[in-house]
Amino acid sequence: RHGTLRLVPLLDMVNHDASAGAFVELTGDERRNQGDIVDATEDDSGTFVLRSLRHGRRKPLKRGQELLANYNVPGYSPLDWFLNMGFVPRERLGRWTKIDGVLPKARAAT
């Protein structure tokens, strides 16, 4: 009745926050993880779980409140963040390294 199947990129709607919980990828053999019973099976392998955490503690969402995630990509430079994620998080802003240009400077026409 409503047409074809549609895919909604739900995880793309989750914004970054340094104090939020991270994405967890299931391996399929979890039973208990940090007090939460996951009880995953092999069929669940590759599934991503995102819990509402702030500063490592559970924080239930209130109606209308945004779910946030800590992307935390170790080793990413500010340029890596910008090219791959489309933004540079505040906690990475101070880590820029200046690289001198390799091309000769252009002279203005006189």
PDB file of N, CA and C in Angstrom:
ATOM      1  N   ARG A   1       0.803  -1.195   0.000  1.00  0.00           N
ATOM      2  CA  ARG A   1       0.000   0.000   0.000  1.00  0.00           C
ATOM      3  C   ARG A   1       0.855   1.271   0.000  1.00  0.00           C
ATOM      4  N   HIS A   2       1.984   1.244   0.691  1.00  0.00           N
ATOM      5  CA  HIS A   2       2.790   2.458   0.809  1.00  0.00           C
ATOM      6  C   HIS A   2       3.970   2.484  -0.150  1.00  0.00           C
ATOM      7  N   GLY A   3       4.069   1.559  -1.066  1.00  0.00           N
ATOM      8  CA  GLY A   3       5.158   1.607  -2.037  1.00  0.00           C
ATOM      9  C   GLY A   3       6.305   0.686  -1.676  1.00  0.00           C
ATOM     10  N   THR A   4       7.503   1.094  -2.051  1.00  0.00           N
ATOM     11  CA  THR A   4       8.675   0.247  -1.901  1.00  0.00           C
ATOM     12  C   THR A   4       9.317   0.393  -0.530  1.00  0.00           C
ATOM     13  N   LEU A   5      10.214  -0.537  -0.249  1.00  0.00           N
ATOM     14  CA  LEU A   5      10.983  -0.523   0.991  1.00  0.00           C
ATOM     15  C   LEU A   5      11.933   0.663   0.988  1.00  0.00           C
ATOM     16  N   ARG A   6      12.077   1.319   2.142  1.00  0.00           N
ATOM     17  CA  ARG A   6      12.959   2.481   2.249  1.00  0.00           C
ATOM     18  C   ARG A   6      13.982   2.259   3.347  1.00  0.00           C
ATOM     19  N   LEU A   7      15.160   2.812   3.177  1.00  0.00           N
ATOM     20  CA  LEU A   7      16.224   2.718   4.159  1.00  0.00           C
ATOM     21  C   LEU A   7      16.421   4.094   4.792  1.00  0.00           C
ATOM     22  N   VAL A   8      16.347   4.143   6.127  1.00  0.00           N
ATOM     23  CA  VAL A   8      16.568   5.393   6.848  1.00  0.00           C
ATOM     24  C   VAL A   8      17.909   5.269   7.568  1.00  0.00           C
ATOM     25  N   PRO A   9      18.885   6.110   7.231  1.00  0.00           N
ATOM     26  CA  PRO A   9      20.200   6.033   7.879  1.00  0.00           C
ATOM     27  C   PRO A   9      20.130   6.604   9.299  1.00  0.00           C
ATOM     28  N   LEU A  10      19.554   5.829  10.193  1.00  0.00           N
ATOM     29  CA  LEU A  10      19.293   6.283  11.559  1.00  0.00           C
ATOM     30  C   LEU A  10      20.556   6.712  12.287  1.00  0.00           C
ATOM     31  N   LEU A  11      21.643   5.947  12.167  1.00  0.00           N
ATOM     32  CA  LEU A  11      22.863   6.307  12.889  1.00  0.00           C
ATOM     33  C   LEU A  11      23.479   7.598  12.370  1.00  0.00           C
ATOM     34  N   ASP A  12      23.182   7.977  11.129  1.00  0.00           N
ATOM     35  CA  ASP A  12      23.671   9.255  10.612  1.00  0.00           C
ATOM     36  C   ASP A  12      22.999  10.432  11.310  1.00  0.00           C
ATOM     37  N   MET A  13      21.885  10.195  11.962  1.00  0.00           N
ATOM     38  CA  MET A  13      21.167  11.269  12.658  1.00  0.00           C
ATOM     39  C   MET A  13      21.681  11.496  14.078  1.00  0.00           C
ATOM     40  N   VAL A  14      22.579  10.644  14.548  1.00  0.00           N
ATOM     41  CA  VAL A  14      23.121  10.762  15.903  1.00  0.00           C
ATOM     42  C   VAL A  14      24.341  11.674  15.862  1.00  0.00           C
ATOM     43  N   ASN A  15      24.311  12.764  16.621  1.00  0.00           N
ATOM     44  CA  ASN A  15      25.409  13.732  16.637  1.00  0.00           C
ATOM     45  C   ASN A  15      26.479  13.355  17.648  1.00  0.00           C
ATOM     46  N   HIS A  16      27.678  13.907  17.435  1.00  0.00           N
ATOM     47  CA  HIS A  16      28.835  13.638  18.291  1.00  0.00           C
ATOM     48  C   HIS A  16      28.816  14.495  19.547  1.00  0.00           C
ATOM     49  N   ASP A  17      29.202  13.893  20.673  1.00  0.00           N
ATOM     50  CA  ASP A  17      29.448  14.614  21.924  1.00  0.00           C
ATOM     51  C   ASP A  17      30.525  13.835  22.667  1.00  0.00           C
ATOM     52  N   ALA A  18      31.580  14.535  23.090  1.00  0.00           N
ATOM     53  CA  ALA A  18      32.723  13.868  23.718  1.00  0.00           C
ATOM     54  C   ALA A  18      32.366  13.152  25.009  1.00  0.00           C
ATOM     55  N   SER A  19      31.318  13.576  25.723  1.00  0.00           N
ATOM     56  CA  SER A  19      30.966  12.953  27.004  1.00  0.00           C
ATOM     57  C   SER A  19      29.873  11.894  26.866  1.00  0.00           C
ATOM     58  N   ALA A  20      29.463  11.591  25.646  1.00  0.00           N
ATOM     59  CA  ALA A  20      28.419  10.582  25.415  1.00  0.00           C
ATOM     60  C   ALA A  20      29.026   9.190  25.309  1.00  0.00           C
ATOM     61  N   GLY A  21      28.170   8.179  25.273  1.00  0.00           N
ATOM     62  CA  GLY A  21      28.615   6.801  25.098  1.00  0.00           C
ATOM     63  C   GLY A  21      29.012   6.535  23.653  1.00  0.00           C
ATOM     64  N   ALA A  22      29.810   5.501  23.450  1.00  0.00           N
ATOM     65  CA  ALA A  22      30.286   5.158  22.113  1.00  0.00           C
ATOM     66  C   ALA A  22      29.411   4.079  21.484  1.00  0.00           C
ATOM     67  N   PHE A  23      29.557   3.921  20.176  1.00  0.00           N
ATOM     68  CA  PHE A  23      28.916   2.811  19.473  1.00  0.00           C
ATOM     69  C   PHE A  23      29.620   1.520  19.881  1.00  0.00           C
ATOM     70  N   VAL A  24      28.862   0.441  20.063  1.00  0.00           N
ATOM     71  CA  VAL A  24      29.426  -0.864  20.393  1.00  0.00           C
ATOM     72  C   VAL A  24      28.994  -1.837  19.302  1.00  0.00           C
ATOM     73  N   GLU A  25      29.964  -2.525  18.704  1.00  0.00           N
ATOM     74  CA  GLU A  25      29.637  -3.525  17.696  1.00  0.00           C
ATOM     75  C   GLU A  25      29.636  -4.895  18.351  1.00  0.00           C
ATOM     76  N   LEU A  26      28.525  -5.628  18.198  1.00  0.00           N
ATOM     77  CA  LEU A  26      28.413  -6.957  18.795  1.00  0.00           C
ATOM     78  C   LEU A  26      29.212  -7.973  17.984  1.00  0.00           C
ATOM     79  N   THR A  27      29.791  -8.924  18.692  1.00  0.00           N
ATOM     80  CA  THR A  27      30.538  -9.997  18.034  1.00  0.00           C
ATOM     81  C   THR A  27      29.698 -11.264  17.915  1.00  0.00           C
ATOM     82  N   GLY A  28      28.627 -11.347  18.679  1.00  0.00           N
ATOM     83  CA  GLY A  28      27.748 -12.507  18.620  1.00  0.00           C
ATOM     84  C   GLY A  28      27.886 -13.428  19.811  1.00  0.00           C
ATOM     85  N   ASP A  29      28.873 -13.194  20.683  1.00  0.00           N
ATOM     86  CA  ASP A  29      29.025 -14.083  21.843  1.00  0.00           C
ATOM     87  C   ASP A  29      28.958 -13.319  23.172  1.00  0.00           C
ATOM     88  N   GLU A  30      28.367 -12.121  23.168  1.00  0.00           N
ATOM     89  CA  GLU A  30      28.209 -11.364  24.410  1.00  0.00           C
ATOM     90  C   GLU A  30      27.159 -12.014  25.322  1.00  0.00           C
ATOM     91  N   ARG A  31      27.374 -11.943  26.588  1.00  0.00           N
ATOM     92  CA  ARG A  31      26.385 -12.391  27.570  1.00  0.00           C
ATOM     93  C   ARG A  31      26.058 -11.280  28.552  1.00  0.00           C
ATOM     94  N   ARG A  32      27.098 -10.648  29.068  1.00  0.00           N
ATOM     95  CA  ARG A  32      26.905  -9.560  30.021  1.00  0.00           C
ATOM     96  C   ARG A  32      28.014  -8.544  29.776  1.00  0.00           C
ATOM     97  N   ASN A  33      27.637  -7.290  29.646  1.00  0.00           N
ATOM     98  CA  ASN A  33      28.602  -6.244  29.355  1.00  0.00           C
ATOM     99  C   ASN A  33      28.292  -5.037  30.216  1.00  0.00           C
ATOM    100  N   GLN A  34      29.162  -4.726  31.174  1.00  0.00           N
ATOM    101  CA  GLN A  34      29.003  -3.583  32.071  1.00  0.00           C
ATOM    102  C   GLN A  34      27.639  -3.599  32.753  1.00  0.00           C
ATOM    103  N   GLY A  35      27.216  -4.778  33.200  1.00  0.00           N
ATOM    104  CA  GLY A  35      25.962  -4.891  33.927  1.00  0.00           C
ATOM    105  C   GLY A  35      24.735  -5.029  33.062  1.00  0.00           C
ATOM    106  N   ASP A  36      24.857  -4.825  31.756  1.00  0.00           N
ATOM    107  CA  ASP A  36      23.713  -4.973  30.857  1.00  0.00           C
ATOM    108  C   ASP A  36      23.741  -6.357  30.231  1.00  0.00           C
ATOM    109  N   ILE A  37      22.620  -7.048  30.258  1.00  0.00           N
ATOM    110  CA  ILE A  37      22.548  -8.356  29.616  1.00  0.00           C
ATOM    111  C   ILE A  37      22.293  -8.138  28.144  1.00  0.00           C
ATOM    112  N   VAL A  38      23.218  -8.613  27.324  1.00  0.00           N
ATOM    113  CA  VAL A  38      23.085  -8.464  25.886  1.00  0.00           C
ATOM    114  C   VAL A  38      22.544  -9.758  25.295  1.00  0.00           C
ATOM    115  N   ASP A  39      23.118 -10.897  25.712  1.00  0.00           N
ATOM    116  CA  ASP A  39      22.701 -12.214  25.259  1.00  0.00           C
ATOM    117  C   ASP A  39      22.557 -12.281  23.746  1.00  0.00           C
ATOM    118  N   ALA A  40      23.618 -11.893  23.052  1.00  0.00           N
ATOM    119  CA  ALA A  40      23.614 -11.891  21.596  1.00  0.00           C
ATOM    120  C   ALA A  40      23.914 -13.280  21.057  1.00  0.00           C
ATOM    121  N   THR A  41      23.473 -13.526  19.856  1.00  0.00           N
ATOM    122  CA  THR A  41      23.770 -14.780  19.162  1.00  0.00           C
ATOM    123  C   THR A  41      24.638 -14.463  17.952  1.00  0.00           C
ATOM    124  N   GLU A  42      25.108 -15.499  17.282  1.00  0.00           N
ATOM    125  CA  GLU A  42      25.948 -15.292  16.110  1.00  0.00           C
ATOM    126  C   GLU A  42      25.229 -14.489  15.039  1.00  0.00           C
ATOM    127  N   ASP A  43      23.902 -14.636  14.965  1.00  0.00           N
ATOM    128  CA  ASP A  43      23.125 -13.867  13.988  1.00  0.00           C
ATOM    129  C   ASP A  43      23.191 -12.366  14.265  1.00  0.00           C
ATOM    130  N   ASP A  44      23.484 -11.983  15.515  1.00  0.00           N
ATOM    131  CA  ASP A  44      23.559 -10.564  15.883  1.00  0.00           C
ATOM    132  C   ASP A  44      24.929  -9.957  15.599  1.00  0.00           C
ATOM    133  N   SER A  45      25.882 -10.754  15.154  1.00  0.00           N
ATOM    134  CA  SER A  45      27.234 -10.278  14.892  1.00  0.00           C
ATOM    135  C   SER A  45      27.202  -9.140  13.875  1.00  0.00           C
ATOM    136  N   GLY A  46      27.925  -8.060  14.193  1.00  0.00           N
ATOM    137  CA  GLY A  46      27.959  -6.898  13.309  1.00  0.00           C
ATOM    138  C   GLY A  46      26.903  -5.858  13.629  1.00  0.00           C
ATOM    139  N   THR A  47      25.996  -6.166  14.550  1.00  0.00           N
ATOM    140  CA  THR A  47      24.963  -5.220  14.966  1.00  0.00           C
ATOM    141  C   THR A  47      25.588  -4.135  15.833  1.00  0.00           C
ATOM    142  N   PHE A  48      25.184  -2.895  15.636  1.00  0.00           N
ATOM    143  CA  PHE A  48      25.672  -1.792  16.460  1.00  0.00           C
ATOM    144  C   PHE A  48      24.652  -1.456  17.532  1.00  0.00           C
ATOM    145  N   VAL A  49      25.160  -1.200  18.741  1.00  0.00           N
ATOM    146  CA  VAL A  49      24.317  -0.820  19.877  1.00  0.00           C
ATOM    147  C   VAL A  49      24.781   0.548  20.347  1.00  0.00           C
ATOM    148  N   LEU A  50      23.828   1.415  20.628  1.00  0.00           N
ATOM    149  CA  LEU A  50      24.141   2.731  21.168  1.00  0.00           C
ATOM    150  C   LEU A  50      23.243   2.970  22.362  1.00  0.00           C
ATOM    151  N   ARG A  51      23.868   3.180  23.522  1.00  0.00           N
ATOM    152  CA  ARG A  51      23.116   3.425  24.747  1.00  0.00           C
ATOM    153  C   ARG A  51      23.239   4.887  25.126  1.00  0.00           C
ATOM    154  N   SER A  52      22.239   5.398  25.795  1.00  0.00           N
ATOM    155  CA  SER A  52      22.273   6.776  26.265  1.00  0.00           C
ATOM    156  C   SER A  52      23.125   6.853  27.520  1.00  0.00           C
ATOM    157  N   LEU A  53      24.368   7.299  27.349  1.00  0.00           N
ATOM    158  CA  LEU A  53      25.309   7.452  28.465  1.00  0.00           C
ATOM    159  C   LEU A  53      25.854   8.869  28.459  1.00  0.00           C
ATOM    160  N   ARG A  54      26.111   9.404  29.646  1.00  0.00           N
ATOM    161  CA  ARG A  54      26.787  10.688  29.789  1.00  0.00           C
ATOM    162  C   ARG A  54      27.870  10.508  30.834  1.00  0.00           C
ATOM    163  N   HIS A  55      29.109  10.796  30.480  1.00  0.00           N
ATOM    164  CA  HIS A  55      30.253  10.648  31.387  1.00  0.00           C
ATOM    165  C   HIS A  55      30.327   9.236  31.968  1.00  0.00           C
ATOM    166  N   GLY A  56      29.988   8.223  31.160  1.00  0.00           N
ATOM    167  CA  GLY A  56      30.093   6.832  31.575  1.00  0.00           C
ATOM    168  C   GLY A  56      28.926   6.296  32.379  1.00  0.00           C
ATOM    169  N   ARG A  57      27.932   7.105  32.657  1.00  0.00           N
ATOM    170  CA  ARG A  57      26.766   6.654  33.433  1.00  0.00           C
ATOM    171  C   ARG A  57      25.527   6.642  32.559  1.00  0.00           C
ATOM    172  N   ARG A  58      24.622   5.726  32.854  1.00  0.00           N
ATOM    173  CA  ARG A  58      23.357   5.675  32.119  1.00  0.00           C
ATOM    174  C   ARG A  58      22.582   6.968  32.326  1.00  0.00           C
ATOM    175  N   LYS A  59      21.994   7.447  31.258  1.00  0.00           N
ATOM    176  CA  LYS A  59      21.181   8.657  31.333  1.00  0.00           C
ATOM    177  C   LYS A  59      19.955   8.440  30.464  1.00  0.00           C
ATOM    178  N   PRO A  60      18.829   8.105  31.091  1.00  0.00           N
ATOM    179  CA  PRO A  60      17.613   7.903  30.298  1.00  0.00           C
ATOM    180  C   PRO A  60      17.239   9.181  29.546  1.00  0.00           C
ATOM    181  N   LEU A  61      16.816   9.019  28.314  1.00  0.00           N
ATOM    182  CA  LEU A  61      16.402  10.165  27.518  1.00  0.00           C
ATOM    183  C   LEU A  61      14.996  10.594  27.911  1.00  0.00           C
ATOM    184  N   LYS A  62      14.807  11.900  27.936  1.00  0.00           N
ATOM    185  CA  LYS A  62      13.477  12.452  28.148  1.00  0.00           C
ATOM    186  C   LYS A  62      12.838  12.668  26.787  1.00  0.00           C
ATOM    187  N   ARG A  63      11.542  12.770  26.759  1.00  0.00           N
ATOM    188  CA  ARG A  63      10.825  12.957  25.508  1.00  0.00           C
ATOM    189  C   ARG A  63      11.374  14.181  24.767  1.00  0.00           C
ATOM    190  N   GLY A  64      11.741  13.988  23.509  1.00  0.00           N
ATOM    191  CA  GLY A  64      12.259  15.062  22.686  1.00  0.00           C
ATOM    192  C   GLY A  64      13.753  15.316  22.834  1.00  0.00           C
ATOM    193  N   GLN A  65      14.416  14.615  23.758  1.00  0.00           N
ATOM    194  CA  GLN A  65      15.845  14.818  23.975  1.00  0.00           C
ATOM    195  C   GLN A  65      16.652  14.060  22.916  1.00  0.00           C
ATOM    196  N   GLU A  66      17.758  14.647  22.497  1.00  0.00           N
ATOM    197  CA  GLU A  66      18.587  14.092  21.440  1.00  0.00           C
ATOM    198  C   GLU A  66      19.491  12.971  21.959  1.00  0.00           C
ATOM    199  N   LEU A  67      19.593  11.888  21.197  1.00  0.00           N
ATOM    200  CA  LEU A  67      20.538  10.815  21.488  1.00  0.00           C
ATOM    201  C   LEU A  67      21.876  11.200  20.885  1.00  0.00           C
ATOM    202  N   LEU A  68      22.942  11.192  21.704  1.00  0.00           N
ATOM    203  CA  LEU A  68      24.270  11.579  21.257  1.00  0.00           C
ATOM    204  C   LEU A  68      25.216  10.393  21.359  1.00  0.00           C
ATOM    205  N   ALA A  69      26.302  10.432  20.592  1.00  0.00           N
ATOM    206  CA  ALA A  69      27.310   9.378  20.627  1.00  0.00           C
ATOM    207  C   ALA A  69      28.696  10.002  20.558  1.00  0.00           C
ATOM    208  N   ASN A  70      29.652   9.335  21.194  1.00  0.00           N
ATOM    209  CA  ASN A  70      31.040   9.756  21.096  1.00  0.00           C
ATOM    210  C   ASN A  70      31.662   8.967  19.956  1.00  0.00           C
ATOM    211  N   TYR A  71      31.960   9.635  18.852  1.00  0.00           N
ATOM    212  CA  TYR A  71      32.533   8.951  17.695  1.00  0.00           C
ATOM    213  C   TYR A  71      33.929   8.424  18.011  1.00  0.00           C
ATOM    214  N   ASN A  72      34.712   9.158  18.799  1.00  0.00           N
ATOM    215  CA  ASN A  72      36.024   8.761  19.307  1.00  0.00           C
ATOM    216  C   ASN A  72      36.800   7.861  18.349  1.00  0.00           C
ATOM    217  N   VAL A  73      37.358   8.470  17.338  1.00  0.00           N
ATOM    218  CA  VAL A  73      38.168   7.727  16.386  1.00  0.00           C
ATOM    219  C   VAL A  73      39.633   7.964  16.755  1.00  0.00           C
ATOM    220  N   PRO A  74      40.280   7.005  17.439  1.00  0.00           N
ATOM    221  CA  PRO A  74      41.665   7.209  17.875  1.00  0.00           C
ATOM    222  C   PRO A  74      42.595   7.430  16.683  1.00  0.00           C
ATOM    223  N   GLY A  75      43.523   8.360  16.845  1.00  0.00           N
ATOM    224  CA  GLY A  75      44.513   8.598  15.807  1.00  0.00           C
ATOM    225  C   GLY A  75      44.057   9.510  14.689  1.00  0.00           C
ATOM    226  N   TYR A  76      42.802   9.925  14.663  1.00  0.00           N
ATOM    227  CA  TYR A  76      42.331  10.833  13.624  1.00  0.00           C
ATOM    228  C   TYR A  76      42.876  12.228  13.874  1.00  0.00           C
ATOM    229  N   SER A  77      43.455  12.824  12.858  1.00  0.00           N
ATOM    230  CA  SER A  77      43.899  14.216  12.933  1.00  0.00           C
ATOM    231  C   SER A  77      42.681  15.103  12.650  1.00  0.00           C
ATOM    232  N   PRO A  78      42.784  16.399  12.898  1.00  0.00           N
ATOM    233  CA  PRO A  78      41.669  17.282  12.545  1.00  0.00           C
ATOM    234  C   PRO A  78      41.301  17.183  11.060  1.00  0.00           C
ATOM    235  N   LEU A  79      42.301  17.025  10.194  1.00  0.00           N
ATOM    236  CA  LEU A  79      42.017  16.883   8.767  1.00  0.00           C
ATOM    237  C   LEU A  79      41.256  15.584   8.495  1.00  0.00           C
ATOM    238  N   ASP A  80      41.645  14.478   9.146  1.00  0.00           N
ATOM    239  CA  ASP A  80      40.915  13.209   8.995  1.00  0.00           C
ATOM    240  C   ASP A  80      39.464  13.371   9.414  1.00  0.00           C
ATOM    241  N   TRP A  81      39.257  14.034  10.553  1.00  0.00           N
ATOM    242  CA  TRP A  81      37.885  14.276  11.026  1.00  0.00           C
ATOM    243  C   TRP A  81      37.094  15.049   9.978  1.00  0.00           C
ATOM    244  N   PHE A  82      37.693  16.123   9.475  1.00  0.00           N
ATOM    245  CA  PHE A  82      36.980  16.960   8.515  1.00  0.00           C
ATOM    246  C   PHE A  82      36.654  16.203   7.233  1.00  0.00           C
ATOM    247  N   LEU A  83      37.618  15.465   6.699  1.00  0.00           N
ATOM    248  CA  LEU A  83      37.403  14.751   5.438  1.00  0.00           C
ATOM    249  C   LEU A  83      36.428  13.584   5.578  1.00  0.00           C
ATOM    250  N   ASN A  84      36.488  12.851   6.700  1.00  0.00           N
ATOM    251  CA  ASN A  84      35.665  11.655   6.864  1.00  0.00           C
ATOM    252  C   ASN A  84      34.335  11.898   7.561  1.00  0.00           C
ATOM    253  N   MET A  85      34.300  12.857   8.480  1.00  0.00           N
ATOM    254  CA  MET A  85      33.085  13.094   9.257  1.00  0.00           C
ATOM    255  C   MET A  85      32.372  14.398   8.876  1.00  0.00           C
ATOM    256  N   GLY A  86      33.103  15.294   8.202  1.00  0.00           N
ATOM    257  CA  GLY A  86      32.501  16.553   7.788  1.00  0.00           C
ATOM    258  C   GLY A  86      32.569  17.650   8.831  1.00  0.00           C
ATOM    259  N   PHE A  87      33.263  17.407   9.929  1.00  0.00           N
ATOM    260  CA  PHE A  87      33.416  18.406  10.984  1.00  0.00           C
ATOM    261  C   PHE A  87      34.645  18.058  11.805  1.00  0.00           C
ATOM    262  N   VAL A  88      35.094  19.017  12.622  1.00  0.00           N
ATOM    263  CA  VAL A  88      36.200  18.791  13.552  1.00  0.00           C
ATOM    264  C   VAL A  88      35.646  19.051  14.947  1.00  0.00           C
ATOM    265  N   PRO A  89      35.628  18.034  15.835  1.00  0.00           N
ATOM    266  CA  PRO A  89      35.081  18.253  17.178  1.00  0.00           C
ATOM    267  C   PRO A  89      35.948  19.214  17.986  1.00  0.00           C
ATOM    268  N   ARG A  90      35.332  19.910  18.911  1.00  0.00           N
ATOM    269  CA  ARG A  90      36.039  20.911  19.720  1.00  0.00           C
ATOM    270  C   ARG A  90      37.249  20.334  20.427  1.00  0.00           C
ATOM    271  N   GLU A  91      37.152  19.093  20.893  1.00  0.00           N
ATOM    272  CA  GLU A  91      38.274  18.504  21.626  1.00  0.00           C
ATOM    273  C   GLU A  91      39.488  18.245  20.730  1.00  0.00           C
ATOM    274  N   ARG A  92      39.337  18.371  19.405  1.00  0.00           N
ATOM    275  CA  ARG A  92      40.451  18.158  18.471  1.00  0.00           C
ATOM    276  C   ARG A  92      40.908  19.446  17.785  1.00  0.00           C
ATOM    277  N   LEU A  93      40.285  20.570  18.072  1.00  0.00           N
ATOM    278  CA  LEU A  93      40.599  21.815  17.365  1.00  0.00           C
ATOM    279  C   LEU A  93      42.031  22.280  17.565  1.00  0.00           C
ATOM    280  N   GLY A  94      42.606  22.076  18.749  1.00  0.00           N
ATOM    281  CA  GLY A  94      43.937  22.597  19.034  1.00  0.00           C
ATOM    282  C   GLY A  94      45.068  21.756  18.501  1.00  0.00           C
ATOM    283  N   ARG A  95      44.810  20.734  17.729  1.00  0.00           N
ATOM    284  CA  ARG A  95      45.849  19.809  17.302  1.00  0.00           C
ATOM    285  C   ARG A  95      46.208  19.947  15.828  1.00  0.00           C
ATOM    286  N   TRP A  96      46.126  21.140  15.299  1.00  0.00           N
ATOM    287  CA  TRP A  96      46.478  21.351  13.896  1.00  0.00           C
ATOM    288  C   TRP A  96      47.990  21.446  13.753  1.00  0.00           C
ATOM    289  N   THR A  97      48.514  20.957  12.669  1.00  0.00           N
ATOM    290  CA  THR A  97      49.931  21.068  12.363  1.00  0.00           C
ATOM    291  C   THR A  97      50.071  21.833  11.052  1.00  0.00           C
ATOM    292  N   LYS A  98      50.844  22.921  11.072  1.00  0.00           N
ATOM    293  CA  LYS A  98      51.031  23.718   9.865  1.00  0.00           C
ATOM    294  C   LYS A  98      52.036  23.027   8.952  1.00  0.00           C
ATOM    295  N   ILE A  99      51.654  22.899   7.706  1.00  0.00           N
ATOM    296  CA  ILE A  99      52.531  22.308   6.701  1.00  0.00           C
ATOM    297  C   ILE A  99      52.839  23.382   5.676  1.00  0.00           C
ATOM    298  N   ASP A 100      54.113  23.639   5.432  1.00  0.00           N
ATOM    299  CA  ASP A 100      54.507  24.642   4.448  1.00  0.00           C
ATOM    300  C   ASP A 100      54.173  24.154   3.047  1.00  0.00           C
ATOM    301  N   GLY A 101      53.774  25.082   2.189  1.00  0.00           N
ATOM    302  CA  GLY A 101      53.430  24.754   0.819  1.00  0.00           C
ATOM    303  C   GLY A 101      54.633  24.292   0.030  1.00  0.00           C
ATOM    304  N   VAL A 102      54.415  23.436  -0.948  1.00  0.00           N
ATOM    305  CA  VAL A 102      55.514  22.943  -1.774  1.00  0.00           C
ATOM    306  C   VAL A 102      55.592  23.669  -3.118  1.00  0.00           C
ATOM    307  N   LEU A 103      54.542  24.405  -3.469  1.00  0.00           N
ATOM    308  CA  LEU A 103      54.532  25.115  -4.731  1.00  0.00           C
ATOM    309  C   LEU A 103      55.083  26.526  -4.540  1.00  0.00           C
ATOM    310  N   PRO A 104      55.726  27.086  -5.545  1.00  0.00           N
ATOM    311  CA  PRO A 104      56.243  28.459  -5.402  1.00  0.00           C
ATOM    312  C   PRO A 104      55.080  29.440  -5.292  1.00  0.00           C
ATOM    313  N   LYS A 105      55.320  30.528  -4.574  1.00  0.00           N
ATOM    314  CA  LYS A 105      54.296  31.551  -4.416  1.00  0.00           C
ATOM    315  C   LYS A 105      54.072  32.265  -5.730  1.00  0.00           C
ATOM    316  N   ALA A 106      52.839  32.554  -6.040  1.00  0.00           N
ATOM    317  CA  ALA A 106      52.500  33.274  -7.277  1.00  0.00           C
ATOM    318  C   ALA A 106      52.733  34.758  -7.052  1.00  0.00           C
ATOM    319  N   ARG A 107      53.226  35.428  -8.083  1.00  0.00           N
ATOM    320  CA  ARG A 107      53.442  36.872  -7.992  1.00  0.00           C
ATOM    321  C   ARG A 107      52.270  37.586  -8.657  1.00  0.00           C
ATOM    322  N   ALA A 108      51.926  38.701  -8.066  1.00  0.00           N
ATOM    323  CA  ALA A 108      50.839  39.505  -8.647  1.00  0.00           C
ATOM    324  C   ALA A 108      51.318  40.142  -9.950  1.00  0.00           C
ATOM    325  N   ALA A 109      50.437  40.198 -10.912  1.00  0.00           N
ATOM    326  CA  ALA A 109      50.764  40.814 -12.220  1.00  0.00           C
ATOM    327  C   ALA A 109      50.913  42.308 -12.022  1.00  0.00           C
ATOM    328  N   THR A 110      51.923  42.878 -12.645  1.00  0.00           N
ATOM    329  CA  THR A 110      52.137  44.330 -12.519  1.00  0.00           C
ATOM    330  C   THR A 110      51.848  45.062 -13.784  1.00  0.00           C
TER     331      THR A 110
END
